[in-house]
Amino acid sequence: MKVYALVGPSGTGKSHKASMVARDMGITHLIDDGLLISSNRVVAGTSAKKEQTKLASVRHALFTNENHRKDVIRAIKIKKVESILILGTSDRMVKNIGEKLNLPEIERTIYIQDIADEDEIKLALSNRKDKGKHVIPVPTFEIKKDFSGYLLDPLHVFRKKGRNKYVSEGSKTIVRPTFSYLGSYTISNNTLFQIARYSASKIEGFESISRFRVINKEGGISIEMFVVVNYSYTIINTLREIQKAIADSLEKLTALHLESLDITVRSIVINGETYP
């Protein structure tokens, strides 16, 4: 099986562009927001847009529910899927989804800025931020039974091909899930620090965090941190494990896009004594 990924921050138009990417690359199936999709039809799974909160939606999209995960894995085996495109907000997210679904390693990653111009991305972000609109890349009749009570807007997309000639990109659906009406939420830097410290505490060789700085960026956040580690363990391995543990926890628990996580060893512990 050939596995590909389409990566971009939330609301930048990935689901809108996914069908075009799949068609141009000859990819038969999509994984998007908890759904396995083929030829504009839902093959297996349920949409993360049904969840009541954004955090629950992110966990659903990451296939944290065992029954949901097994349902999609079973469908992939039965359908003998030859190629698949995973949509996600970061390289780490699509990698995690691939691992959860027992898929081979990702062969190629396409980034939203490679297939959409700046104006398209700005429009998509505006529709998401100001109007709460989310796109699901299947026709409305495919998911209507699962979205009773939601506002569903059918959308048929055409692409220009030559002068005065357009070809169909297929039908999509615009939904406005419950969590889009719940207002915005903020996560304090102290909360991020607590998550990071708790995640790192499980790693052998970690002692403490001496400095923790969050840098807010347009597409997400970056974190710089100083740590104290134990010299009895291989320091480079300890740092890699700390980095992975923190990144995985922040992505799962906060839905924030983590652009980078830089860790510097500020001090080491040798035989119970701390040295700078």
C-alpha atoms as a PDB file:
ATOM      1  CA  MET A   1       0.000   0.000   0.000  1.00  0.00           C
ATOM      2  CA  LYS A   2       1.217   3.482  -0.856  1.00  0.00           C
ATOM      3  CA  VAL A   3       0.533   6.058   1.869  1.00  0.00           C
ATOM      4  CA  TYR A   4       0.575   9.824   1.381  1.00  0.00           C
ATOM      5  CA  ALA A   5      -0.232  12.787   3.629  1.00  0.00           C
ATOM      6  CA  LEU A   6      -1.805  16.206   3.167  1.00  0.00           C
ATOM      7  CA  VAL A   7      -0.740  18.548   5.976  1.00  0.00           C
ATOM      8  CA  GLY A   8      -1.825  22.049   6.950  1.00  0.00           C
ATOM      9  CA  PRO A   9      -3.070  23.975   9.994  1.00  0.00           C
ATOM     10  CA  SER A  10      -6.736  23.654  10.909  1.00  0.00           C
ATOM     11  CA  GLY A  11      -9.072  25.609   8.648  1.00  0.00           C
ATOM     12  CA  THR A  12      -6.684  26.128   5.714  1.00  0.00           C
ATOM     13  CA  GLY A  13      -8.738  24.143   3.201  1.00  0.00           C
ATOM     14  CA  LYS A  14      -7.272  20.616   3.304  1.00  0.00           C
ATOM     15  CA  SER A  15     -10.623  18.826   3.052  1.00  0.00           C
ATOM     16  CA  HIS A  16     -11.634  21.137   0.205  1.00  0.00           C
ATOM     17  CA  LYS A  17      -8.490  20.259  -1.779  1.00  0.00           C
ATOM     18  CA  ALA A  18      -8.195  16.584  -0.815  1.00  0.00           C
ATOM     19  CA  SER A  19     -10.267  15.134  -3.683  1.00  0.00           C
ATOM     20  CA  MET A  20      -8.241  17.083  -6.249  1.00  0.00           C
ATOM     21  CA  VAL A  21      -4.947  15.846  -4.774  1.00  0.00           C
ATOM     22  CA  ALA A  22      -6.204  12.246  -4.671  1.00  0.00           C
ATOM     23  CA  ARG A  23      -7.411  12.359  -8.275  1.00  0.00           C
ATOM     24  CA  ASP A  24      -4.239  13.957  -9.626  1.00  0.00           C
ATOM     25  CA  MET A  25      -2.020  11.423  -7.827  1.00  0.00           C
ATOM     26  CA  GLY A  26      -4.199   8.378  -8.477  1.00  0.00           C
ATOM     27  CA  ILE A  27      -4.945   7.848  -4.775  1.00  0.00           C
ATOM     28  CA  THR A  28      -8.024   5.704  -4.158  1.00  0.00           C
ATOM     29  CA  HIS A  29      -8.857   6.442  -0.501  1.00  0.00           C
ATOM     30  CA  LEU A  30      -8.783   9.327   1.995  1.00  0.00           C
ATOM     31  CA  ILE A  31      -8.562   9.431   5.785  1.00  0.00           C
ATOM     32  CA  ASP A  32     -10.114  12.689   6.959  1.00  0.00           C
ATOM     33  CA  ASP A  33     -11.546  13.570  10.377  1.00  0.00           C
ATOM     34  CA  GLY A  34     -12.194   9.959  11.344  1.00  0.00           C
ATOM     35  CA  LEU A  35     -13.648   8.864   8.000  1.00  0.00           C
ATOM     36  CA  LEU A  36     -12.349   6.420   5.395  1.00  0.00           C
ATOM     37  CA  ILE A  37     -13.527   7.832   2.057  1.00  0.00           C
ATOM     38  CA  SER A  38     -13.363   6.467  -1.494  1.00  0.00           C
ATOM     39  CA  SER A  39     -14.898   7.839  -4.707  1.00  0.00           C
ATOM     40  CA  ASN A  40     -16.860  10.436  -2.756  1.00  0.00           C
ATOM     41  CA  ARG A  41     -18.409   7.764  -0.527  1.00  0.00           C
ATOM     42  CA  VAL A  42     -17.918   7.022   3.161  1.00  0.00           C
ATOM     43  CA  VAL A  43     -16.474   3.501   3.421  1.00  0.00           C
ATOM     44  CA  ALA A  44     -16.040   3.334   7.206  1.00  0.00           C
ATOM     45  CA  GLY A  45     -15.719   5.446  10.340  1.00  0.00           C
ATOM     46  CA  THR A  46     -17.662   8.353  11.756  1.00  0.00           C
ATOM     47  CA  SER A  47     -16.963  12.056  11.433  1.00  0.00           C
ATOM     48  CA  ALA A  48     -15.103  13.914  14.156  1.00  0.00           C
ATOM     49  CA  LYS A  49     -17.373  16.885  13.392  1.00  0.00           C
ATOM     50  CA  LYS A  50     -20.130  15.132  15.365  1.00  0.00           C
ATOM     51  CA  GLU A  51     -18.313  15.659  18.650  1.00  0.00           C
ATOM     52  CA  GLN A  52     -19.561  18.315  21.051  1.00  0.00           C
ATOM     53  CA  THR A  53     -16.175  19.881  21.803  1.00  0.00           C
ATOM     54  CA  LYS A  54     -13.086  20.638  19.769  1.00  0.00           C
ATOM     55  CA  LEU A  55     -10.836  18.533  21.978  1.00  0.00           C
ATOM     56  CA  ALA A  56     -13.159  15.542  21.598  1.00  0.00           C
ATOM     57  CA  SER A  57     -13.133  16.146  17.846  1.00  0.00           C
ATOM     58  CA  VAL A  58      -9.333  16.031  17.747  1.00  0.00           C
ATOM     59  CA  ARG A  59      -9.222  12.792  19.752  1.00  0.00           C
ATOM     60  CA  HIS A  60     -11.817  11.272  17.411  1.00  0.00           C
ATOM     61  CA  ALA A  61      -9.763  12.263  14.352  1.00  0.00           C
ATOM     62  CA  LEU A  62      -6.749  10.555  15.953  1.00  0.00           C
ATOM     63  CA  PHE A  63      -8.708   7.287  16.306  1.00  0.00           C
ATOM     64  CA  THR A  64      -8.327   7.084  20.073  1.00  0.00           C
ATOM     65  CA  ASN A  65     -11.578   5.088  20.335  1.00  0.00           C
ATOM     66  CA  GLU A  66     -10.763   1.393  19.965  1.00  0.00           C
ATOM     67  CA  ASN A  67     -14.002   0.359  18.237  1.00  0.00           C
ATOM     68  CA  HIS A  68     -13.759   3.254  15.783  1.00  0.00           C
ATOM     69  CA  ARG A  69     -10.137   2.381  15.017  1.00  0.00           C
ATOM     70  CA  LYS A  70     -10.867  -1.329  14.486  1.00  0.00           C
ATOM     71  CA  ASP A  71     -13.803  -0.536  12.206  1.00  0.00           C
ATOM     72  CA  VAL A  72     -11.594   1.479   9.849  1.00  0.00           C
ATOM     73  CA  ILE A  73      -8.702  -1.031   9.973  1.00  0.00           C
ATOM     74  CA  ARG A  74     -11.136  -3.820   9.082  1.00  0.00           C
ATOM     75  CA  ALA A  75     -12.518  -1.846   6.137  1.00  0.00           C
ATOM     76  CA  ILE A  76      -9.019  -1.110   4.813  1.00  0.00           C
ATOM     77  CA  LYS A  77      -8.220  -4.838   4.846  1.00  0.00           C
ATOM     78  CA  ILE A  78     -11.530  -5.930   3.299  1.00  0.00           C
ATOM     79  CA  LYS A  79     -11.301  -3.322   0.525  1.00  0.00           C
ATOM     80  CA  LYS A  80      -7.635  -4.226  -0.092  1.00  0.00           C
ATOM     81  CA  VAL A  81      -6.785  -0.525  -0.255  1.00  0.00           C
ATOM     82  CA  GLU A  82      -3.816   0.129  -2.532  1.00  0.00           C
ATOM     83  CA  SER A  83      -3.270   3.836  -1.841  1.00  0.00           C
ATOM     84  CA  ILE A  84      -4.423   6.250   0.832  1.00  0.00           C
ATOM     85  CA  LEU A  85      -4.115   9.967   1.624  1.00  0.00           C
ATOM     86  CA  ILE A  86      -4.114  10.954   5.315  1.00  0.00           C
ATOM     87  CA  LEU A  87      -5.195  14.519   6.189  1.00  0.00           C
ATOM     88  CA  GLY A  88      -3.835  16.174   9.317  1.00  0.00           C
ATOM     89  CA  THR A  89      -2.734  19.427  10.902  1.00  0.00           C
ATOM     90  CA  SER A  90       0.901  18.387  11.367  1.00  0.00           C
ATOM     91  CA  ASP A  91       3.479  15.806  10.311  1.00  0.00           C
ATOM     92  CA  ARG A  92       3.190  14.271  13.741  1.00  0.00           C
ATOM     93  CA  MET A  93      -0.587  13.975  13.520  1.00  0.00           C
ATOM     94  CA  VAL A  94      -0.603  12.141  10.173  1.00  0.00           C
ATOM     95  CA  LYS A  95       2.190   9.864  11.413  1.00  0.00           C
ATOM     96  CA  ASN A  96       0.188   9.028  14.534  1.00  0.00           C
ATOM     97  CA  ILE A  97      -2.925   8.283  12.472  1.00  0.00           C
ATOM     98  CA  GLY A  98      -0.921   6.008  10.183  1.00  0.00           C
ATOM     99  CA  GLU A  99       0.482   4.114  13.171  1.00  0.00           C
ATOM    100  CA  LYS A 100      -2.958   3.811  14.811  1.00  0.00           C
ATOM    101  CA  LEU A 101      -4.367   2.294  11.598  1.00  0.00           C
ATOM    102  CA  ASN A 102      -1.376  -0.045  11.088  1.00  0.00           C
ATOM    103  CA  LEU A 103      -0.479   1.598   7.773  1.00  0.00           C
ATOM    104  CA  PRO A 104       2.973   1.548   6.128  1.00  0.00           C
ATOM    105  CA  GLU A 105       5.226   4.596   6.485  1.00  0.00           C
ATOM    106  CA  ILE A 106       4.206   7.750   4.635  1.00  0.00           C
ATOM    107  CA  GLU A 107       5.990   7.949   1.273  1.00  0.00           C
ATOM    108  CA  ARG A 108       5.306  11.590   0.498  1.00  0.00           C
ATOM    109  CA  THR A 109       3.825  14.579   2.313  1.00  0.00           C
ATOM    110  CA  ILE A 110       2.038  17.393   0.485  1.00  0.00           C
ATOM    111  CA  TYR A 111       1.638  20.695   2.334  1.00  0.00           C
ATOM    112  CA  ILE A 112      -1.379  22.936   1.849  1.00  0.00           C
ATOM    113  CA  GLN A 113       0.784  25.883   0.760  1.00  0.00           C
ATOM    114  CA  ASP A 114       2.037  23.720  -2.129  1.00  0.00           C
ATOM    115  CA  ILE A 115      -1.451  23.324  -3.631  1.00  0.00           C
ATOM    116  CA  ALA A 116      -3.335  26.454  -2.501  1.00  0.00           C
ATOM    117  CA  ASP A 117      -2.375  30.084  -2.970  1.00  0.00           C
ATOM    118  CA  GLU A 118      -2.327  32.639  -0.164  1.00  0.00           C
ATOM    119  CA  ASP A 119      -5.771  34.066  -1.010  1.00  0.00           C
ATOM    120  CA  GLU A 120      -7.398  30.606  -0.951  1.00  0.00           C
ATOM    121  CA  ILE A 121      -5.893  29.844   2.435  1.00  0.00           C
ATOM    122  CA  LYS A 122      -6.993  33.213   3.849  1.00  0.00           C
ATOM    123  CA  LEU A 123     -10.560  32.645   2.601  1.00  0.00           C
ATOM    124  CA  ALA A 124     -10.652  29.168   4.117  1.00  0.00           C
ATOM    125  CA  LEU A 125      -9.357  30.474   7.444  1.00  0.00           C
ATOM    126  CA  SER A 126     -11.982  33.244   7.403  1.00  0.00           C
ATOM    127  CA  ASN A 127     -14.803  30.760   6.776  1.00  0.00           C
ATOM    128  CA  ARG A 128     -13.571  28.627   9.645  1.00  0.00           C
ATOM    129  CA  LYS A 129     -12.860  31.401  12.150  1.00  0.00           C
ATOM    130  CA  ASP A 130     -15.709  33.819  11.420  1.00  0.00           C
ATOM    131  CA  LYS A 131     -18.480  31.471  10.262  1.00  0.00           C
ATOM    132  CA  GLY A 132     -17.608  28.163  11.886  1.00  0.00           C
ATOM    133  CA  LYS A 133     -17.740  26.335   8.550  1.00  0.00           C
ATOM    134  CA  HIS A 134     -16.076  22.934   8.149  1.00  0.00           C
ATOM    135  CA  VAL A 135     -15.858  20.956   4.904  1.00  0.00           C
ATOM    136  CA  ILE A 136     -16.392  17.192   4.684  1.00  0.00           C
ATOM    137  CA  PRO A 137     -15.291  15.823   1.278  1.00  0.00           C
ATOM    138  CA  VAL A 138     -18.395  13.684   0.605  1.00  0.00           C
ATOM    139  CA  PRO A 139     -21.919  14.477  -0.696  1.00  0.00           C
ATOM    140  CA  THR A 140     -24.538  15.535   1.839  1.00  0.00           C
ATOM    141  CA  PHE A 141     -26.632  12.376   1.416  1.00  0.00           C
ATOM    142  CA  GLU A 142     -23.640  10.300   2.545  1.00  0.00           C
ATOM    143  CA  ILE A 143     -23.553  11.808   6.024  1.00  0.00           C
ATOM    144  CA  LYS A 144     -26.986  13.414   6.518  1.00  0.00           C
ATOM    145  CA  LYS A 145     -28.270  10.545   8.670  1.00  0.00           C
ATOM    146  CA  ASP A 146     -25.323  11.033  11.046  1.00  0.00           C
ATOM    147  CA  PHE A 147     -25.748  14.803  11.357  1.00  0.00           C
ATOM    148  CA  SER A 148     -29.380  15.162  12.352  1.00  0.00           C
ATOM    149  CA  GLY A 149     -29.906  18.660  13.719  1.00  0.00           C
ATOM    150  CA  TYR A 150     -26.751  20.128  12.149  1.00  0.00           C
ATOM    151  CA  LEU A 151     -26.838  22.781   9.452  1.00  0.00           C
ATOM    152  CA  LEU A 152     -25.685  21.060   6.249  1.00  0.00           C
ATOM    153  CA  ASP A 153     -24.862  23.020   3.104  1.00  0.00           C
ATOM    154  CA  PRO A 154     -24.307  20.958  -0.079  1.00  0.00           C
ATOM    155  CA  LEU A 155     -21.400  22.191  -2.173  1.00  0.00           C
ATOM    156  CA  HIS A 156     -20.589  21.105  -5.715  1.00  0.00           C
ATOM    157  CA  VAL A 157     -17.107  22.093  -6.787  1.00  0.00           C
ATOM    158  CA  PHE A 158     -15.913  22.708 -10.341  1.00  0.00           C
ATOM    159  CA  ARG A 159     -12.402  23.276 -11.588  1.00  0.00           C
ATOM    160  CA  LYS A 160     -11.521  25.347 -14.634  1.00  0.00           C
ATOM    161  CA  LYS A 161      -9.927  23.345 -17.434  1.00  0.00           C
ATOM    162  CA  GLY A 162      -9.118  25.448 -20.454  1.00  0.00           C
ATOM    163  CA  ARG A 163     -11.064  28.429 -21.756  1.00  0.00           C
ATOM    164  CA  ASN A 164     -14.726  28.417 -20.683  1.00  0.00           C
ATOM    165  CA  LYS A 165     -14.527  24.745 -19.730  1.00  0.00           C
ATOM    166  CA  TYR A 166     -15.051  23.360 -16.255  1.00  0.00           C
ATOM    167  CA  VAL A 167     -14.812  19.833 -14.869  1.00  0.00           C
ATOM    168  CA  SER A 168     -16.474  18.533 -11.738  1.00  0.00           C
ATOM    169  CA  GLU A 169     -14.380  18.172  -8.603  1.00  0.00           C
ATOM    170  CA  GLY A 170     -17.217  16.261  -6.936  1.00  0.00           C
ATOM    171  CA  SER A 171     -19.686  17.069  -4.189  1.00  0.00           C
ATOM    172  CA  LYS A 172     -18.725  18.164  -0.707  1.00  0.00           C
ATOM    173  CA  THR A 173     -20.642  19.169   2.391  1.00  0.00           C
ATOM    174  CA  ILE A 174     -20.273  22.216   4.623  1.00  0.00           C
ATOM    175  CA  VAL A 175     -21.194  21.572   8.250  1.00  0.00           C
ATOM    176  CA  ARG A 176     -21.289  23.829  11.269  1.00  0.00           C
ATOM    177  CA  PRO A 177     -20.619  21.498  14.188  1.00  0.00           C
ATOM    178  CA  THR A 178     -21.655  22.188  17.743  1.00  0.00           C
ATOM    179  CA  PHE A 179     -18.171  23.145  18.896  1.00  0.00           C
ATOM    180  CA  SER A 180     -18.114  25.985  16.340  1.00  0.00           C
ATOM    181  CA  TYR A 181     -20.862  27.743  18.320  1.00  0.00           C
ATOM    182  CA  LEU A 182     -19.234  27.388  21.712  1.00  0.00           C
ATOM    183  CA  GLY A 183     -17.003  30.420  21.302  1.00  0.00           C
ATOM    184  CA  SER A 184     -13.237  30.504  21.438  1.00  0.00           C
ATOM    185  CA  TYR A 185     -11.082  29.063  24.163  1.00  0.00           C
ATOM    186  CA  THR A 186      -7.626  29.878  25.424  1.00  0.00           C
ATOM    187  CA  ILE A 187      -5.037  27.690  27.070  1.00  0.00           C
ATOM    188  CA  SER A 188      -2.673  29.402  29.481  1.00  0.00           C
ATOM    189  CA  ASN A 189       1.068  28.966  29.195  1.00  0.00           C
ATOM    190  CA  ASN A 190       1.053  27.546  32.703  1.00  0.00           C
ATOM    191  CA  THR A 191      -1.306  24.795  31.557  1.00  0.00           C
ATOM    192  CA  LEU A 192       1.039  23.955  28.688  1.00  0.00           C
ATOM    193  CA  PHE A 193       3.920  23.885  31.172  1.00  0.00           C
ATOM    194  CA  GLN A 194       2.035  21.504  33.473  1.00  0.00           C
ATOM    195  CA  ILE A 195       1.282  19.158  30.566  1.00  0.00           C
ATOM    196  CA  ALA A 196       4.919  19.279  29.442  1.00  0.00           C
ATOM    197  CA  ARG A 197       6.293  18.636  32.924  1.00  0.00           C
ATOM    198  CA  TYR A 198       3.915  15.745  33.574  1.00  0.00           C
ATOM    199  CA  SER A 199       4.713  14.132  30.201  1.00  0.00           C
ATOM    200  CA  ALA A 200       8.472  14.528  30.678  1.00  0.00           C
ATOM    201  CA  SER A 201       8.325  13.127  34.228  1.00  0.00           C
ATOM    202  CA  LYS A 202       7.613   9.676  32.793  1.00  0.00           C
ATOM    203  CA  ILE A 203      10.934   9.637  30.914  1.00  0.00           C
ATOM    204  CA  GLU A 204      13.945   8.036  32.607  1.00  0.00           C
ATOM    205  CA  GLY A 205      16.772  10.523  32.986  1.00  0.00           C
ATOM    206  CA  PHE A 206      14.512  13.591  33.250  1.00  0.00           C
ATOM    207  CA  GLU A 207      14.889  15.618  36.435  1.00  0.00           C
ATOM    208  CA  SER A 208      13.133  18.954  35.984  1.00  0.00           C
ATOM    209  CA  ILE A 209      12.329  21.897  33.703  1.00  0.00           C
ATOM    210  CA  SER A 210      14.261  25.064  34.576  1.00  0.00           C
ATOM    211  CA  ARG A 211      12.829  27.351  31.885  1.00  0.00           C
ATOM    212  CA  PHE A 212       9.719  27.123  29.716  1.00  0.00           C
ATOM    213  CA  ARG A 213       8.816  29.652  27.020  1.00  0.00           C
ATOM    214  CA  VAL A 214       5.837  29.570  24.623  1.00  0.00           C
ATOM    215  CA  ILE A 215       6.053  31.584  21.391  1.00  0.00           C
ATOM    216  CA  ASN A 216       2.718  32.236  19.689  1.00  0.00           C
ATOM    217  CA  LYS A 217       2.826  32.134  15.895  1.00  0.00           C
ATOM    218  CA  GLU A 218       0.226  32.580  13.173  1.00  0.00           C
ATOM    219  CA  GLY A 219       0.048  28.861  12.419  1.00  0.00           C
ATOM    220  CA  GLY A 220       0.495  27.536  15.958  1.00  0.00           C
ATOM    221  CA  ILE A 221       3.036  27.664  18.770  1.00  0.00           C
ATOM    222  CA  SER A 222       6.742  27.013  19.326  1.00  0.00           C
ATOM    223  CA  ILE A 223       8.224  26.027  22.666  1.00  0.00           C
ATOM    224  CA  GLU A 224      11.709  26.598  24.037  1.00  0.00           C
ATOM    225  CA  MET A 225      12.651  24.859  27.266  1.00  0.00           C
ATOM    226  CA  PHE A 226      15.692  24.226  29.468  1.00  0.00           C
ATOM    227  CA  VAL A 227      15.873  20.930  31.333  1.00  0.00           C
ATOM    228  CA  VAL A 228      17.896  19.212  34.003  1.00  0.00           C
ATOM    229  CA  VAL A 229      18.801  15.599  33.179  1.00  0.00           C
ATOM    230  CA  ASN A 230      20.521  12.733  34.939  1.00  0.00           C
ATOM    231  CA  TYR A 231      23.984  11.880  33.664  1.00  0.00           C
ATOM    232  CA  SER A 232      23.387   8.185  34.390  1.00  0.00           C
ATOM    233  CA  TYR A 233      21.278   7.960  31.230  1.00  0.00           C
ATOM    234  CA  THR A 234      22.209   8.640  27.599  1.00  0.00           C
ATOM    235  CA  ILE A 235      21.395  12.334  27.349  1.00  0.00           C
ATOM    236  CA  ILE A 236      20.546  12.500  23.635  1.00  0.00           C
ATOM    237  CA  ASN A 237      18.099   9.583  23.959  1.00  0.00           C
ATOM    238  CA  THR A 238      16.529  11.181  27.018  1.00  0.00           C
ATOM    239  CA  LEU A 239      16.005  14.449  25.132  1.00  0.00           C
ATOM    240  CA  ARG A 240      14.437  12.706  22.152  1.00  0.00           C
ATOM    241  CA  GLU A 241      12.029  10.806  24.383  1.00  0.00           C
ATOM    242  CA  ILE A 242      11.135  13.975  26.302  1.00  0.00           C
ATOM    243  CA  GLN A 243      10.499  15.838  23.048  1.00  0.00           C
ATOM    244  CA  LYS A 244       8.245  13.110  21.660  1.00  0.00           C
ATOM    245  CA  ALA A 245       6.296  12.652  24.907  1.00  0.00           C
ATOM    246  CA  ILE A 246       5.588  16.374  25.254  1.00  0.00           C
ATOM    247  CA  ALA A 247       4.702  16.864  21.580  1.00  0.00           C
ATOM    248  CA  ASP A 248       2.312  13.896  21.579  1.00  0.00           C
ATOM    249  CA  SER A 249       0.559  15.064  24.758  1.00  0.00           C
ATOM    250  CA  LEU A 250       0.189  18.679  23.659  1.00  0.00           C
ATOM    251  CA  GLU A 251      -1.226  17.682  20.290  1.00  0.00           C
ATOM    252  CA  LYS A 252      -3.683  15.203  21.801  1.00  0.00           C
ATOM    253  CA  LEU A 253      -4.841  17.308  24.754  1.00  0.00           C
ATOM    254  CA  THR A 254      -4.881  20.856  23.394  1.00  0.00           C
ATOM    255  CA  ALA A 255      -5.467  20.660  19.601  1.00  0.00           C
ATOM    256  CA  LEU A 256      -2.721  23.267  19.184  1.00  0.00           C
ATOM    257  CA  HIS A 257      -0.410  23.013  16.183  1.00  0.00           C
ATOM    258  CA  LEU A 258       3.118  22.637  17.551  1.00  0.00           C
ATOM    259  CA  GLU A 259       5.580  24.049  15.013  1.00  0.00           C
ATOM    260  CA  SER A 260       8.741  23.316  17.002  1.00  0.00           C
ATOM    261  CA  LEU A 261       9.913  22.127  20.408  1.00  0.00           C
ATOM    262  CA  ASP A 262      13.522  23.058  21.220  1.00  0.00           C
ATOM    263  CA  ILE A 263      15.119  21.546  24.318  1.00  0.00           C
ATOM    264  CA  THR A 264      18.424  22.678  25.866  1.00  0.00           C
ATOM    265  CA  VAL A 265      20.229  20.868  28.690  1.00  0.00           C
ATOM    266  CA  ARG A 266      20.934  23.550  31.298  1.00  0.00           C
ATOM    267  CA  SER A 267      22.204  21.309  34.100  1.00  0.00           C
ATOM    268  CA  ILE A 268      23.037  17.666  34.788  1.00  0.00           C
ATOM    269  CA  VAL A 269      22.722  15.541  37.905  1.00  0.00           C
ATOM    270  CA  ILE A 270      25.686  13.325  38.838  1.00  0.00           C
ATOM    271  CA  ASN A 271      25.443  11.160  41.947  1.00  0.00           C
ATOM    272  CA  GLY A 272      22.704  13.361  43.367  1.00  0.00           C
ATOM    273  CA  GLU A 273      24.588  16.631  42.808  1.00  0.00           C
ATOM    274  CA  THR A 274      23.458  19.182  40.189  1.00  0.00           C
ATOM    275  CA  TYR A 275      26.085  20.758  37.934  1.00  0.00           C
ATOM    276  CA  PRO A 276      25.468  23.587  35.438  1.00  0.00           C
END
